[in-house]
Amino acid sequence: MQDSQQEQPEAQAWICLECGYIYDPAQGDLETNIPPGVCFDKLPGDWCCPVCNGAMSQFIKFESQL
């Protein structure tokens, strides 16, 4: 039963520590032609934050408080 309460790894959102942009795999990043359904670890190596151009290394897993 715990599995259904935990977020699936592929659905994990990530937040940019520089500007607060949240990459949500369910939405993708249409600005950079990343379709919905692409998990963070499957993004191209040269992908960067569409808001501040921060590197992927500036992102951490986003834990919603809701």
N, C-alpha and C. Protein backbone atom coordinates (compact mmCIF):
# COMPACT_ATOMS: atom_id res chain seq x y z
N MET A 1 0.82 -1.20 0.00
CA MET A 1 0.00 0.00 0.00
C MET A 1 0.86 1.26 0.00
N GLN A 2 2.05 1.18 0.53
CA GLN A 2 2.94 2.34 0.55
C GLN A 2 3.33 2.76 -0.86
N ASP A 3 3.46 1.79 -1.78
CA ASP A 3 3.85 2.11 -3.14
C ASP A 3 2.90 3.10 -3.80
N SER A 4 1.60 2.95 -3.54
CA SER A 4 0.63 3.84 -4.16
C SER A 4 0.70 5.24 -3.57
N GLN A 5 1.23 5.39 -2.36
CA GLN A 5 1.34 6.70 -1.72
C GLN A 5 2.62 7.41 -2.12
N GLN A 6 3.62 6.66 -2.54
CA GLN A 6 4.88 7.27 -2.93
C GLN A 6 4.82 7.68 -4.39
N GLU A 7 5.45 8.81 -4.69
CA GLU A 7 5.47 9.28 -6.07
C GLU A 7 6.37 8.36 -6.90
N GLN A 8 5.92 8.04 -8.10
CA GLN A 8 6.72 7.22 -8.98
C GLN A 8 7.96 7.99 -9.41
N PRO A 9 9.13 7.34 -9.51
CA PRO A 9 10.36 8.05 -9.87
C PRO A 9 10.25 8.82 -11.18
N GLU A 10 9.57 8.25 -12.17
CA GLU A 10 9.46 8.95 -13.45
C GLU A 10 8.56 10.17 -13.36
N ALA A 11 7.73 10.26 -12.33
CA ALA A 11 6.83 11.39 -12.17
C ALA A 11 7.43 12.44 -11.22
N GLN A 12 8.64 12.24 -10.77
CA GLN A 12 9.29 13.13 -9.82
C GLN A 12 9.57 14.50 -10.44
N ALA A 13 9.12 15.55 -9.76
CA ALA A 13 9.42 16.92 -10.20
C ALA A 13 10.75 17.36 -9.59
N TRP A 14 11.42 18.26 -10.28
CA TRP A 14 12.71 18.79 -9.84
C TRP A 14 12.64 20.30 -9.82
N ILE A 15 13.32 20.95 -8.87
CA ILE A 15 13.29 22.40 -8.73
C ILE A 15 14.68 22.99 -8.91
N CYS A 16 14.75 24.11 -9.61
CA CYS A 16 16.01 24.81 -9.82
C CYS A 16 16.34 25.62 -8.57
N LEU A 17 17.51 25.39 -8.01
CA LEU A 17 17.92 26.12 -6.80
C LEU A 17 18.21 27.59 -7.09
N GLU A 18 18.48 27.91 -8.32
CA GLU A 18 18.82 29.29 -8.70
C GLU A 18 17.58 30.18 -8.77
N CYS A 19 16.51 29.70 -9.41
CA CYS A 19 15.36 30.58 -9.64
C CYS A 19 14.02 30.03 -9.15
N GLY A 20 13.98 28.75 -8.79
CA GLY A 20 12.73 28.16 -8.29
C GLY A 20 11.86 27.53 -9.37
N TYR A 21 12.33 27.51 -10.62
CA TYR A 21 11.56 26.85 -11.68
C TYR A 21 11.41 25.37 -11.34
N ILE A 22 10.22 24.83 -11.54
CA ILE A 22 9.97 23.41 -11.28
C ILE A 22 9.79 22.69 -12.60
N TYR A 23 10.65 21.69 -12.85
CA TYR A 23 10.47 20.83 -14.01
C TYR A 23 9.53 19.70 -13.61
N ASP A 24 8.38 19.64 -14.24
CA ASP A 24 7.39 18.61 -13.98
C ASP A 24 7.31 17.70 -15.21
N PRO A 25 7.71 16.44 -15.07
CA PRO A 25 7.69 15.53 -16.22
C PRO A 25 6.30 15.39 -16.84
N ALA A 26 5.25 15.56 -16.06
CA ALA A 26 3.90 15.45 -16.61
C ALA A 26 3.62 16.56 -17.62
N GLN A 27 4.33 17.69 -17.49
CA GLN A 27 4.13 18.81 -18.41
C GLN A 27 5.25 18.92 -19.43
N GLY A 28 6.41 18.38 -19.13
CA GLY A 28 7.56 18.52 -20.01
C GLY A 28 8.03 19.98 -20.04
N ASP A 29 8.74 20.35 -21.07
CA ASP A 29 9.21 21.73 -21.24
C ASP A 29 9.04 22.08 -22.71
N LEU A 30 7.86 22.54 -23.04
CA LEU A 30 7.53 22.79 -24.44
C LEU A 30 8.39 23.90 -25.05
N GLU A 31 8.90 24.79 -24.20
CA GLU A 31 9.78 25.86 -24.67
C GLU A 31 11.04 25.31 -25.33
N THR A 32 11.52 24.18 -24.84
CA THR A 32 12.72 23.57 -25.39
C THR A 32 12.42 22.23 -26.09
N ASN A 33 11.16 22.07 -26.48
CA ASN A 33 10.72 20.89 -27.23
C ASN A 33 10.85 19.57 -26.47
N ILE A 34 10.70 19.61 -25.14
CA ILE A 34 10.68 18.39 -24.33
C ILE A 34 9.20 18.04 -24.12
N PRO A 35 8.74 16.94 -24.69
CA PRO A 35 7.31 16.59 -24.58
C PRO A 35 6.96 16.09 -23.18
N PRO A 36 5.70 16.16 -22.81
CA PRO A 36 5.26 15.58 -21.54
C PRO A 36 5.64 14.11 -21.46
N GLY A 37 5.98 13.65 -20.25
CA GLY A 37 6.32 12.25 -20.04
C GLY A 37 7.81 11.97 -19.97
N VAL A 38 8.66 12.99 -20.20
CA VAL A 38 10.11 12.78 -20.15
C VAL A 38 10.60 13.06 -18.72
N CYS A 39 11.10 12.01 -18.06
CA CYS A 39 11.59 12.19 -16.69
C CYS A 39 12.92 12.96 -16.70
N PHE A 40 13.23 13.56 -15.57
CA PHE A 40 14.38 14.46 -15.48
C PHE A 40 15.69 13.79 -15.91
N ASP A 41 15.90 12.55 -15.49
CA ASP A 41 17.16 11.89 -15.84
C ASP A 41 17.24 11.46 -17.30
N LYS A 42 16.17 11.64 -18.05
CA LYS A 42 16.17 11.33 -19.48
C LYS A 42 16.27 12.61 -20.34
N LEU A 43 16.38 13.77 -19.70
CA LEU A 43 16.54 15.02 -20.45
C LEU A 43 17.90 15.03 -21.15
N PRO A 44 18.01 15.72 -22.27
CA PRO A 44 19.31 15.82 -22.94
C PRO A 44 20.36 16.44 -22.02
N GLY A 45 21.59 16.03 -22.15
CA GLY A 45 22.67 16.51 -21.28
C GLY A 45 22.89 18.01 -21.35
N ASP A 46 22.50 18.62 -22.47
CA ASP A 46 22.69 20.06 -22.60
C ASP A 46 21.45 20.86 -22.22
N TRP A 47 20.41 20.18 -21.70
CA TRP A 47 19.20 20.89 -21.27
C TRP A 47 19.55 21.79 -20.09
N CYS A 48 18.95 22.95 -20.05
CA CYS A 48 19.16 23.86 -18.93
C CYS A 48 17.83 24.49 -18.54
N CYS A 49 17.80 25.13 -17.40
CA CYS A 49 16.59 25.77 -16.90
C CYS A 49 16.11 26.80 -17.93
N PRO A 50 14.83 26.71 -18.32
CA PRO A 50 14.33 27.65 -19.31
C PRO A 50 14.15 29.07 -18.77
N VAL A 51 14.25 29.24 -17.47
CA VAL A 51 14.08 30.57 -16.87
C VAL A 51 15.42 31.26 -16.67
N CYS A 52 16.38 30.56 -16.03
CA CYS A 52 17.66 31.22 -15.68
C CYS A 52 18.86 30.61 -16.39
N ASN A 53 18.62 29.62 -17.24
CA ASN A 53 19.70 28.90 -17.95
C ASN A 53 20.63 28.14 -17.02
N GLY A 54 20.18 27.84 -15.81
CA GLY A 54 20.98 27.05 -14.87
C GLY A 54 21.17 25.63 -15.36
N ALA A 55 22.30 25.05 -15.04
CA ALA A 55 22.61 23.68 -15.44
C ALA A 55 21.74 22.68 -14.69
N MET A 56 21.64 21.50 -15.25
CA MET A 56 20.86 20.44 -14.60
C MET A 56 21.38 20.14 -13.19
N SER A 57 22.66 20.36 -12.97
CA SER A 57 23.25 20.10 -11.65
C SER A 57 22.72 21.04 -10.58
N GLN A 58 22.04 22.11 -10.97
CA GLN A 58 21.47 23.06 -10.01
C GLN A 58 20.06 22.67 -9.59
N PHE A 59 19.57 21.53 -10.07
CA PHE A 59 18.23 21.05 -9.73
C PHE A 59 18.31 19.99 -8.64
N ILE A 60 17.31 20.02 -7.76
CA ILE A 60 17.16 18.97 -6.75
C ILE A 60 15.72 18.46 -6.84
N LYS A 61 15.49 17.27 -6.30
CA LYS A 61 14.14 16.71 -6.30
C LYS A 61 13.23 17.64 -5.51
N PHE A 62 12.05 17.89 -6.07
CA PHE A 62 11.06 18.76 -5.44
C PHE A 62 10.10 17.93 -4.62
N GLU A 63 10.04 18.23 -3.35
CA GLU A 63 9.12 17.54 -2.44
C GLU A 63 7.98 18.49 -2.10
N SER A 64 6.82 18.23 -2.63
CA SER A 64 5.67 19.09 -2.38
C SER A 64 5.23 18.96 -0.92
N GLN A 65 4.86 20.08 -0.34
CA GLN A 65 4.39 20.08 1.05
C GLN A 65 2.87 19.89 1.13
N LEU A 66 2.23 19.69 -0.01
CA LEU A 66 0.77 19.52 -0.03
C LEU A 66 0.37 18.11 0.29
